[in-house]
Amino acid sequence: MAEEAQNIINIDGKEYNPTDMSEEQRYLIAQIRDLQARANQAKFHLDQQQVALNFFTNKLIESLNQKEEKKVS
C-alpha cells in the first residue's frame, strides 16, 4: 500500500495511479522521467563547464594584468 502511494502521479492537479493506466501511458511517463533526468544531468554539466570557463577566463585576465604591470614597472 505504501509503495502504491509513492507511485501516484500528479498531473494538472489530478492524481493518477500508473497501475490504472494503459501501457502507452506508462511508456510516456517513463519517457518524461528519463528526459527530466537527462535535462537535470545536462544542467549539472553545464554548471560545471560554466565554472571552469569562468576560472580559465579569470586566470587569463590575471595573467595579462600581471604582464602589463611588469611592463609599467
N, C-alpha and C. Protein backbone atom coordinates (compact mmCIF):
# COMPACT_ATOMS: atom_id res chain seq x y z
N MET A 1 0.82 -1.20 0.00
CA MET A 1 0.00 0.00 0.00
C MET A 1 0.86 1.26 0.00
N ALA A 2 1.89 1.29 0.84
CA ALA A 2 2.76 2.47 0.90
C ALA A 2 3.49 2.66 -0.42
N GLU A 3 3.86 1.55 -1.06
CA GLU A 3 4.54 1.65 -2.36
C GLU A 3 3.61 2.24 -3.41
N GLU A 4 2.34 1.87 -3.40
CA GLU A 4 1.37 2.40 -4.34
C GLU A 4 1.22 3.91 -4.17
N ALA A 5 1.21 4.38 -2.92
CA ALA A 5 1.04 5.81 -2.65
C ALA A 5 2.22 6.59 -3.21
N GLN A 6 3.41 5.99 -3.21
CA GLN A 6 4.59 6.66 -3.75
C GLN A 6 4.54 6.76 -5.27
N ASN A 7 3.81 5.88 -5.91
CA ASN A 7 3.76 5.86 -7.36
C ASN A 7 2.67 6.75 -7.94
N ILE A 8 1.90 7.39 -7.10
CA ILE A 8 0.83 8.27 -7.58
C ILE A 8 1.47 9.44 -8.32
N ILE A 9 0.91 9.75 -9.47
CA ILE A 9 1.43 10.83 -10.31
C ILE A 9 0.41 11.96 -10.33
N ASN A 10 0.90 13.16 -10.13
CA ASN A 10 0.03 14.34 -10.12
C ASN A 10 0.25 15.11 -11.42
N ILE A 11 -0.80 15.24 -12.21
CA ILE A 11 -0.75 15.97 -13.48
C ILE A 11 -1.89 16.97 -13.49
N ASP A 12 -1.54 18.23 -13.60
CA ASP A 12 -2.53 19.31 -13.61
C ASP A 12 -3.46 19.25 -12.39
N GLY A 13 -2.88 18.91 -11.23
CA GLY A 13 -3.66 18.89 -10.01
C GLY A 13 -4.50 17.64 -9.80
N LYS A 14 -4.43 16.69 -10.70
CA LYS A 14 -5.17 15.44 -10.56
C LYS A 14 -4.19 14.30 -10.29
N GLU A 15 -4.59 13.40 -9.43
CA GLU A 15 -3.74 12.26 -9.09
C GLU A 15 -4.10 11.05 -9.94
N TYR A 16 -3.07 10.37 -10.40
CA TYR A 16 -3.24 9.18 -11.23
C TYR A 16 -2.38 8.06 -10.69
N ASN A 17 -2.92 6.87 -10.71
CA ASN A 17 -2.18 5.69 -10.32
C ASN A 17 -1.71 4.99 -11.60
N PRO A 18 -0.42 4.82 -11.77
CA PRO A 18 0.08 4.19 -13.01
C PRO A 18 -0.47 2.80 -13.26
N THR A 19 -0.87 2.10 -12.21
CA THR A 19 -1.41 0.76 -12.42
C THR A 19 -2.76 0.81 -13.13
N ASP A 20 -3.41 1.97 -13.08
CA ASP A 20 -4.69 2.14 -13.77
C ASP A 20 -4.51 2.67 -15.20
N MET A 21 -3.28 2.90 -15.60
CA MET A 21 -3.01 3.50 -16.92
C MET A 21 -2.72 2.42 -17.95
N SER A 22 -2.85 2.82 -19.19
CA SER A 22 -2.53 1.90 -20.29
C SER A 22 -1.02 1.76 -20.40
N GLU A 23 -0.61 0.76 -21.14
CA GLU A 23 0.82 0.54 -21.37
C GLU A 23 1.45 1.76 -22.05
N GLU A 24 0.73 2.35 -23.00
CA GLU A 24 1.25 3.54 -23.69
C GLU A 24 1.43 4.70 -22.70
N GLN A 25 0.48 4.90 -21.82
CA GLN A 25 0.58 5.99 -20.85
C GLN A 25 1.76 5.77 -19.90
N ARG A 26 1.98 4.55 -19.47
CA ARG A 26 3.14 4.26 -18.61
C ARG A 26 4.44 4.47 -19.38
N TYR A 27 4.43 4.12 -20.66
CA TYR A 27 5.60 4.34 -21.51
C TYR A 27 5.90 5.84 -21.62
N LEU A 28 4.86 6.63 -21.82
CA LEU A 28 5.04 8.08 -21.91
C LEU A 28 5.58 8.66 -20.61
N ILE A 29 5.11 8.15 -19.48
CA ILE A 29 5.62 8.59 -18.19
C ILE A 29 7.10 8.25 -18.06
N ALA A 30 7.47 7.05 -18.49
CA ALA A 30 8.88 6.64 -18.44
C ALA A 30 9.73 7.56 -19.31
N GLN A 31 9.23 7.91 -20.48
CA GLN A 31 9.95 8.83 -21.37
C GLN A 31 10.13 10.20 -20.70
N ILE A 32 9.07 10.71 -20.11
CA ILE A 32 9.12 12.02 -19.45
C ILE A 32 10.12 11.99 -18.30
N ARG A 33 10.09 10.95 -17.49
CA ARG A 33 11.03 10.84 -16.36
C ARG A 33 12.47 10.78 -16.85
N ASP A 34 12.70 10.01 -17.91
CA ASP A 34 14.05 9.91 -18.47
C ASP A 34 14.52 11.26 -19.00
N LEU A 35 13.64 11.96 -19.71
CA LEU A 35 14.00 13.27 -20.25
C LEU A 35 14.26 14.29 -19.14
N GLN A 36 13.46 14.23 -18.06
CA GLN A 36 13.69 15.12 -16.93
C GLN A 36 15.06 14.84 -16.30
N ALA A 37 15.39 13.57 -16.16
CA ALA A 37 16.69 13.20 -15.58
C ALA A 37 17.83 13.67 -16.48
N ARG A 38 17.67 13.50 -17.78
CA ARG A 38 18.70 13.95 -18.73
C ARG A 38 18.85 15.47 -18.71
N ALA A 39 17.74 16.18 -18.62
CA ALA A 39 17.80 17.64 -18.57
C ALA A 39 18.51 18.09 -17.29
N ASN A 40 18.22 17.43 -16.18
CA ASN A 40 18.90 17.76 -14.92
C ASN A 40 20.39 17.47 -15.02
N GLN A 41 20.73 16.35 -15.63
CA GLN A 41 22.14 15.98 -15.81
C GLN A 41 22.84 16.99 -16.72
N ALA A 42 22.18 17.42 -17.78
CA ALA A 42 22.76 18.41 -18.69
C ALA A 42 22.99 19.73 -17.97
N LYS A 43 22.06 20.14 -17.13
CA LYS A 43 22.23 21.38 -16.36
C LYS A 43 23.41 21.24 -15.40
N PHE A 44 23.53 20.08 -14.77
CA PHE A 44 24.63 19.80 -13.86
C PHE A 44 25.97 19.98 -14.59
N HIS A 45 26.08 19.39 -15.80
CA HIS A 45 27.31 19.50 -16.58
C HIS A 45 27.53 20.93 -17.06
N LEU A 46 26.47 21.60 -17.45
CA LEU A 46 26.59 22.99 -17.90
C LEU A 46 27.10 23.87 -16.76
N ASP A 47 26.61 23.66 -15.55
CA ASP A 47 27.08 24.42 -14.39
C ASP A 47 28.58 24.20 -14.19
N GLN A 48 29.03 22.96 -14.31
CA GLN A 48 30.46 22.65 -14.16
C GLN A 48 31.27 23.35 -15.25
N GLN A 49 30.78 23.31 -16.47
CA GLN A 49 31.50 23.92 -17.58
C GLN A 49 31.55 25.44 -17.44
N GLN A 50 30.48 26.02 -16.94
CA GLN A 50 30.45 27.47 -16.74
C GLN A 50 31.47 27.90 -15.69
N VAL A 51 31.54 27.13 -14.61
CA VAL A 51 32.52 27.43 -13.56
C VAL A 51 33.94 27.30 -14.11
N ALA A 52 34.20 26.25 -14.87
CA ALA A 52 35.53 26.05 -15.46
C ALA A 52 35.85 27.18 -16.45
N LEU A 53 34.89 27.56 -17.27
CA LEU A 53 35.09 28.66 -18.22
C LEU A 53 35.42 29.95 -17.49
N ASN A 54 34.68 30.25 -16.42
CA ASN A 54 34.95 31.45 -15.64
C ASN A 54 36.34 31.40 -15.01
N PHE A 55 36.73 30.24 -14.50
CA PHE A 55 38.04 30.09 -13.88
C PHE A 55 39.15 30.38 -14.89
N PHE A 56 39.10 29.75 -16.05
CA PHE A 56 40.16 29.93 -17.03
C PHE A 56 40.16 31.35 -17.61
N THR A 57 39.00 31.92 -17.78
CA THR A 57 38.93 33.31 -18.25
C THR A 57 39.57 34.24 -17.23
N ASN A 58 39.25 34.05 -15.97
CA ASN A 58 39.83 34.88 -14.92
C ASN A 58 41.34 34.69 -14.81
N LYS A 59 41.81 33.46 -14.97
CA LYS A 59 43.25 33.20 -14.95
C LYS A 59 43.95 33.91 -16.10
N LEU A 60 43.35 33.93 -17.28
CA LEU A 60 43.94 34.63 -18.42
C LEU A 60 43.99 36.13 -18.15
N ILE A 61 42.91 36.69 -17.66
CA ILE A 61 42.87 38.12 -17.35
C ILE A 61 43.93 38.46 -16.31
N GLU A 62 44.02 37.63 -15.29
CA GLU A 62 45.02 37.85 -14.23
C GLU A 62 46.43 37.81 -14.81
N SER A 63 46.68 36.85 -15.67
CA SER A 63 47.99 36.72 -16.30
C SER A 63 48.32 37.92 -17.17
N LEU A 64 47.34 38.38 -17.94
CA LEU A 64 47.56 39.56 -18.79
C LEU A 64 47.80 40.81 -17.96
N ASN A 65 47.08 40.95 -16.86
CA ASN A 65 47.26 42.10 -15.98
C ASN A 65 48.64 42.09 -15.34
N GLN A 66 49.14 40.92 -14.96
CA GLN A 66 50.48 40.82 -14.38
C GLN A 66 51.54 41.21 -15.40
N LYS A 67 51.32 40.80 -16.64
CA LYS A 67 52.27 41.14 -17.71
C LYS A 67 52.29 42.64 -17.93
N GLU A 68 51.13 43.28 -17.90
CA GLU A 68 51.02 44.73 -18.07
C GLU A 68 51.70 45.45 -16.91
N GLU A 69 51.55 44.92 -15.69
CA GLU A 69 52.17 45.54 -14.52
C GLU A 69 53.68 45.48 -14.61
N LYS A 70 54.23 44.38 -15.16
CA LYS A 70 55.67 44.25 -15.31
C LYS A 70 56.20 45.24 -16.33
N LYS A 71 55.44 45.52 -17.39
CA LYS A 71 55.85 46.48 -18.40
C LYS A 71 55.92 47.90 -17.81
N VAL A 72 54.97 48.22 -16.95
CA VAL A 72 54.89 49.55 -16.35
C VAL A 72 56.02 49.74 -15.35
N SER A 73 56.45 48.71 -14.66
CA SER A 73 57.49 48.82 -13.63
C SER A 73 58.83 49.12 -14.17
